C-alpha atoms as a PDB file:
ATOM      1  CA  MET A   1     122.316 118.147  93.788  1.00  0.00           C
ATOM      2  CA  PRO A   2     122.856 119.288  90.186  1.00  0.00           C
ATOM      3  CA  HIS A   3     120.130 119.117  87.544  1.00  0.00           C
ATOM      4  CA  HIS A   4     119.924 115.725  85.829  1.00  0.00           C
ATOM      5  CA  ASP A   5     117.641 114.743  82.932  1.00  0.00           C
ATOM      6  CA  ASP A   6     117.146 111.151  84.187  1.00  0.00           C
ATOM      7  CA  LYS A   7     115.782 112.431  87.482  1.00  0.00           C
ATOM      8  CA  ASN A   8     113.472 114.823  85.664  1.00  0.00           C
ATOM      9  CA  ARG A   9     112.130 112.078  83.366  1.00  0.00           C
ATOM     10  CA  TYR A  10     111.531 109.898  86.413  1.00  0.00           C
ATOM     11  CA  ALA A  11     109.747 112.722  88.259  1.00  0.00           C
ATOM     12  CA  LEU A  12     107.611 113.481  85.212  1.00  0.00           C
ATOM     13  CA  ALA A  13     106.594 109.804  84.884  1.00  0.00           C
ATOM     14  CA  VAL A  14     105.701 109.604  88.586  1.00  0.00           C
ATOM     15  CA  GLY A  15     103.648 112.794  88.250  1.00  0.00           C
ATOM     16  CA  HIS A  16     101.735 111.425  85.266  1.00  0.00           C
ATOM     17  CA  ILE A  17     101.126 108.166  87.139  1.00  0.00           C
ATOM     18  CA  ALA A  18      99.730 110.127  90.114  1.00  0.00           C
ATOM     19  CA  ILE A  19      97.361 112.055  87.852  1.00  0.00           C
ATOM     20  CA  GLU A  20      96.107 108.951  86.034  1.00  0.00           C
ATOM     21  CA  TRP A  21      95.698 107.161  89.357  1.00  0.00           C
ATOM     22  CA  ASN A  22      93.516 109.980  90.676  1.00  0.00           C
ATOM     23  CA  TYR A  23      91.286 109.619  87.628  1.00  0.00           C
ATOM     24  CA  LEU A  24      91.155 105.845  88.060  1.00  0.00           C
ATOM     25  CA  GLU A  25      90.075 106.281  91.694  1.00  0.00           C
ATOM     26  CA  ARG A  26      87.268 108.496  90.431  1.00  0.00           C
ATOM     27  CA  ASP A  27      86.317 105.825  87.887  1.00  0.00           C
ATOM     28  CA  LEU A  28      86.048 103.247  90.686  1.00  0.00           C
ATOM     29  CA  GLN A  29      83.895 105.620  92.704  1.00  0.00           C
ATOM     30  CA  ARG A  30      81.625 106.191  89.699  1.00  0.00           C
ATOM     31  CA  LEU A  31      81.185 102.434  89.323  1.00  0.00           C
ATOM     32  CA  ALA A  32      80.186 102.148  92.977  1.00  0.00           C
ATOM     33  CA  HIS A  33      77.896 105.152  92.632  1.00  0.00           C
ATOM     34  CA  HIS A  34      76.038 103.361  89.843  1.00  0.00           C
ATOM     35  CA  TYR A  35      75.064 100.602  92.275  1.00  0.00           C
ATOM     36  CA  LEU A  36      74.493 102.765  95.341  1.00  0.00           C
ATOM     37  CA  LYS A  37      71.596 104.774  93.909  1.00  0.00           C
ATOM     38  CA  LEU A  38      72.560 107.738  96.099  1.00  0.00           C
ATOM     39  CA  ASP A  39      73.158 111.313  95.107  1.00  0.00           C
ATOM     40  CA  GLU A  40      76.792 112.093  94.256  1.00  0.00           C
ATOM     41  CA  GLU A  41      77.381 114.214  97.363  1.00  0.00           C
ATOM     42  CA  THR A  42      76.255 111.441  99.705  1.00  0.00           C
ATOM     43  CA  ALA A  43      78.266 108.817  97.817  1.00  0.00           C
ATOM     44  CA  ALA A  44      81.372 111.051  97.874  1.00  0.00           C
ATOM     45  CA  HIS A  45      80.955 111.535 101.619  1.00  0.00           C
ATOM     46  CA  LEU A  46      80.685 107.781 102.133  1.00  0.00           C
ATOM     47  CA  PHE A  47      83.826 107.143 100.092  1.00  0.00           C
ATOM     48  CA  ALA A  48      85.782 109.890 101.853  1.00  0.00           C
ATOM     49  CA  PHE A  49      86.093 107.613 104.875  1.00  0.00           C
ATOM     50  CA  MET A  50      87.489 104.637 102.950  1.00  0.00           C
ATOM     51  CA  GLY A  51      90.943 103.830 101.665  1.00  0.00           C
ATOM     52  CA  ASN A  52      91.454 102.381  98.196  1.00  0.00           C
ATOM     53  CA  ALA A  53      91.384  98.760  99.322  1.00  0.00           C
ATOM     54  CA  SER A  54      88.095  99.286 101.181  1.00  0.00           C
ATOM     55  CA  ARG A  55      86.620 101.179  98.229  1.00  0.00           C
ATOM     56  CA  ALA A  56      87.522  98.366  95.854  1.00  0.00           C
ATOM     57  CA  GLU A  57      86.173  95.685  98.205  1.00  0.00           C
ATOM     58  CA  PHE A  58      82.947  97.608  98.768  1.00  0.00           C
ATOM     59  CA  THR A  59      82.484  98.260  95.052  1.00  0.00           C
ATOM     60  CA  GLN A  60      82.986  94.573  94.302  1.00  0.00           C
ATOM     61  CA  TRP A  61      80.395  93.670  96.915  1.00  0.00           C
ATOM     62  CA  LEU A  62      77.970  96.181  95.353  1.00  0.00           C
ATOM     63  CA  ALA A  63      78.528  94.781  91.858  1.00  0.00           C
ATOM     64  CA  GLU A  64      78.130  91.182  93.000  1.00  0.00           C
ATOM     65  CA  ARG A  65      75.014  92.048  95.007  1.00  0.00           C
ATOM     66  CA  PHE A  66      73.182  94.400  92.642  1.00  0.00           C
ATOM     67  CA  GLU A  67      74.366  93.793  89.069  1.00  0.00           C
ATOM     68  CA  THR A  68      71.684  91.778  87.274  1.00  0.00           C
ATOM     69  CA  ASP A  69      73.577  91.290  83.988  1.00  0.00           C
ATOM     70  CA  ASP A  70      76.069  88.443  84.531  1.00  0.00           C
ATOM     71  CA  ALA A  71      78.361  89.603  81.709  1.00  0.00           C
ATOM     72  CA  LEU A  72      78.460  93.156  83.047  1.00  0.00           C
ATOM     73  CA  LYS A  73      79.020  91.830  86.572  1.00  0.00           C
ATOM     74  CA  ALA A  74      82.021  89.845  85.315  1.00  0.00           C
ATOM     75  CA  HIS A  75      83.461  92.990  83.731  1.00  0.00           C
ATOM     76  CA  ALA A  76      82.900  95.073  86.871  1.00  0.00           C
ATOM     77  CA  VAL A  77      84.586  92.451  89.057  1.00  0.00           C
ATOM     78  CA  HIS A  78      87.459  92.125  86.582  1.00  0.00           C
ATOM     79  CA  PHE A  79      87.933  95.908  86.506  1.00  0.00           C
ATOM     80  CA  ILE A  80      88.192  95.861  90.300  1.00  0.00           C
ATOM     81  CA  ALA A  81      90.829  93.099  90.157  1.00  0.00           C
ATOM     82  CA  VAL A  82      92.802  95.172  87.631  1.00  0.00           C
ATOM     83  CA  PHE A  83      92.366  98.221  89.884  1.00  0.00           C
ATOM     84  CA  CYS A  84      93.763  96.276  92.863  1.00  0.00           C
ATOM     85  CA  ARG A  85      96.816  95.095  90.935  1.00  0.00           C
ATOM     86  CA  LEU A  86      97.456  98.621  89.681  1.00  0.00           C
ATOM     87  CA  ARG A  87      97.005  99.901  93.251  1.00  0.00           C
ATOM     88  CA  ALA A  88      99.766  97.613  94.493  1.00  0.00           C
ATOM     89  CA  ASN A  89     102.094  98.798  91.732  1.00  0.00           C
ATOM     90  CA  ARG A  90     101.088 102.411  92.275  1.00  0.00           C
ATOM     91  CA  ASN A  91     101.958 102.163  95.969  1.00  0.00           C
ATOM     92  CA  ILE A  92     105.458 101.020  95.037  1.00  0.00           C
ATOM     93  CA  VAL A  93     105.945 103.847  92.544  1.00  0.00           C
ATOM     94  CA  GLU A  94     104.353 106.644  94.545  1.00  0.00           C
ATOM     95  CA  HIS A  95     105.600 105.684  98.011  1.00  0.00           C
ATOM     96  CA  GLY A  96     109.000 104.324  97.098  1.00  0.00           C
ATOM     97  CA  VAL A  97     112.251 106.252  96.914  1.00  0.00           C
ATOM     98  CA  PRO A  98     114.090 106.372  93.588  1.00  0.00           C
ATOM     99  CA  ALA A  99     117.639 105.048  93.522  1.00  0.00           C
ATOM    100  CA  LEU A 100     119.730 107.976  92.291  1.00  0.00           C
ATOM    101  CA  THR A 101     123.423 108.586  91.819  1.00  0.00           C
ATOM    102  CA  ARG A 102     124.975 111.488  93.687  1.00  0.00           C
ATOM    103  CA  ASP A 103     124.502 113.712  90.632  1.00  0.00           C
ATOM    104  CA  GLY A 104     120.818 112.749  90.230  1.00  0.00           C
ATOM    105  CA  ALA A 105     120.929 110.055  87.536  1.00  0.00           C
ATOM    106  CA  PHE A 106     118.047 107.592  88.014  1.00  0.00           C
ATOM    107  CA  LEU A 107     119.338 104.030  88.431  1.00  0.00           C
ATOM    108  CA  GLY A 108     116.128 102.287  87.364  1.00  0.00           C
ATOM    109  CA  GLU A 109     115.100 101.078  90.812  1.00  0.00           C
ATOM    110  CA  ILE A 110     112.590 102.218  93.377  1.00  0.00           C
ATOM    111  CA  ILE A 111     113.299 101.345  96.995  1.00  0.00           C
ATOM    112  CA  LYS A 112     110.086 100.516  98.824  1.00  0.00           C
ATOM    113  CA  LEU A 113     110.624 101.307 102.451  1.00  0.00           C
ATOM    114  CA  GLY A 114     109.781  98.306 104.585  1.00  0.00           C
ATOM    115  CA  ARG A 115     107.932  98.561 107.864  1.00  0.00           C
ATOM    116  CA  ARG A 116     109.581  95.609 109.578  1.00  0.00           C
ATOM    117  CA  SER A 117     111.410  93.523 107.048  1.00  0.00           C
ATOM    118  CA  GLY A 118     113.839  95.965 105.474  1.00  0.00           C
ATOM    119  CA  ASP A 119     113.857  97.876 102.230  1.00  0.00           C
ATOM    120  CA  MET A 120     112.985  96.225  98.910  1.00  0.00           C
ATOM    121  CA  PRO A 121     114.293  97.499  95.571  1.00  0.00           C
ATOM    122  CA  PHE A 122     111.919  97.164  92.594  1.00  0.00           C
ATOM    123  CA  ALA A 123     112.808  97.359  88.909  1.00  0.00           C
ATOM    124  CA  ALA A 124     111.526 100.646  87.533  1.00  0.00           C
ATOM    125  CA  SER A 125     113.196 101.446  84.244  1.00  0.00           C
ATOM    126  CA  GLN A 126     111.769 104.300  82.242  1.00  0.00           C
ATOM    127  CA  ALA A 127     110.186 101.673  79.977  1.00  0.00           C
ATOM    128  CA  ALA A 128     108.568  99.976  83.004  1.00  0.00           C
ATOM    129  CA  LEU A 129     107.178 103.302  84.224  1.00  0.00           C
ATOM    130  CA  ASP A 130     105.858 104.081  80.736  1.00  0.00           C
ATOM    131  CA  GLU A 131     104.213 100.642  80.571  1.00  0.00           C
ATOM    132  CA  PHE A 132     102.603 101.200  83.968  1.00  0.00           C
ATOM    133  CA  LEU A 133     101.236 104.552  82.809  1.00  0.00           C
ATOM    134  CA  LYS A 134      99.857 102.858  79.689  1.00  0.00           C
ATOM    135  CA  ARG A 135      98.125 100.213  81.820  1.00  0.00           C
ATOM    136  CA  LEU A 136      96.545 102.909  84.010  1.00  0.00           C
ATOM    137  CA  ARG A 137      95.153 104.595  80.905  1.00  0.00           C
ATOM    138  CA  GLU A 138      93.844 101.282  79.556  1.00  0.00           C
ATOM    139  CA  ALA A 139      92.081 100.626  82.870  1.00  0.00           C
ATOM    140  CA  ARG A 140      90.467 104.050  82.654  1.00  0.00           C
ATOM    141  CA  GLY A 141      89.216 103.227  79.156  1.00  0.00           C
ATOM    142  CA  TYR A 142      87.833  99.921  80.421  1.00  0.00           C
ATOM    143  CA  ALA A 143      86.037 101.679  83.282  1.00  0.00           C
ATOM    144  CA  ASP A 144      84.556 104.144  80.802  1.00  0.00           C
ATOM    145  CA  ALA A 145      83.343 101.298  78.573  1.00  0.00           C
ATOM    146  CA  ILE A 146      81.649  99.687  81.602  1.00  0.00           C
ATOM    147  CA  ARG A 147      80.048 103.031  82.460  1.00  0.00           C
ATOM    148  CA  LYS A 148      78.771 103.331  78.881  1.00  0.00           C
ATOM    149  CA  ALA A 149      77.359  99.802  79.059  1.00  0.00           C
ATOM    150  CA  HIS A 150      75.524 100.723  82.262  1.00  0.00           C
ATOM    151  CA  ALA A 151      74.124 103.795  80.514  1.00  0.00           C
ATOM    152  CA  GLY A 152      73.033 101.761  77.485  1.00  0.00           C
ATOM    153  CA  GLU A 153      75.506 103.616  75.244  1.00  0.00           C
ATOM    154  CA  GLN A 154      77.569 100.495  74.513  1.00  0.00           C
ATOM    155  CA  ASP A 155      76.679  96.844  74.049  1.00  0.00           C
ATOM    156  CA  VAL A 156      77.998  94.661  76.877  1.00  0.00           C
ATOM    157  CA  ALA A 157      78.996  92.020  74.318  1.00  0.00           C
ATOM    158  CA  ALA A 158      81.405  94.556  72.787  1.00  0.00           C
ATOM    159  CA  LEU A 159      83.397  94.856  76.034  1.00  0.00           C
ATOM    160  CA  THR A 160      86.774  93.158  76.110  1.00  0.00           C
ATOM    161  CA  LYS A 161      88.444  92.237  79.400  1.00  0.00           C
ATOM    162  CA  LEU A 162      91.858  93.742  79.976  1.00  0.00           C
ATOM    163  CA  THR A 163      94.797  91.465  80.558  1.00  0.00           C
ATOM    164  CA  MET A 164      95.849  91.561  84.178  1.00  0.00           C
ATOM    165  CA  PRO A 165      98.764  93.961  84.715  1.00  0.00           C
ATOM    166  CA  LYS A 166     102.002  92.380  85.868  1.00  0.00           C
ATOM    167  CA  ARG A 167     103.126  92.887  89.429  1.00  0.00           C
ATOM    168  CA  MET A 168     106.222  94.989  89.894  1.00  0.00           C
ATOM    169  CA  LYS A 169     108.984  92.577  90.830  1.00  0.00           C
ATOM    170  CA  PRO A 170     111.693  93.094  93.421  1.00  0.00           C
ATOM    171  CA  THR A 171     115.189  93.215  91.961  1.00  0.00           C
ATOM    172  CA  ALA A 172     117.037  91.796  94.981  1.00  0.00           C
ATOM    173  CA  GLN A 173     116.583  90.335  98.413  1.00  0.00           C
ATOM    174  CA  ARG A 174     115.357  92.674 101.119  1.00  0.00           C
ATOM    175  CA  VAL A 175     117.986  94.906 102.623  1.00  0.00           C
ATOM    176  CA  GLU A 176     117.777  94.049 106.314  1.00  0.00           C
ATOM    177  CA  GLU A 177     117.576  96.922 108.729  1.00  0.00           C
ATOM    178  CA  GLY A 178     120.225  96.948 111.325  1.00  0.00           C
END
């Protein structure tokens, strides 16, 4: 397949999304670590056996159980909801297959491979990928602000909840296997 700039821009965006996602996973783990009161090595070992959904659910349980500041608890729980929405979108971007022309031009769709119900194309223009990357970075900033509030470096009242990221939408009906 010949070199094509659209494919390269797509690959670069997906790479940046993967990097930001890895940082966001670390931010979630740091939030949980705050409530666990364990050393970092033990907490990391505990988290090594969990997937992202389990980590988010466990962190939410920790925040709801141990956070004594109601405003900070609301921010922690909201961050986890944002994390979960971004996780769903990230799974589409990182585990889907880009729709490409024969010469490598990106067609603005990602085909999420279905397990039982066929493939699903999702809209993924360069602008949509850029917006997703922006939302990942905003979530990281929000997590950092929560961390600073826990550390007493920022006033909880100064925290602002993020708007919930939009779900990536399918562009067509499922393509039935057969």
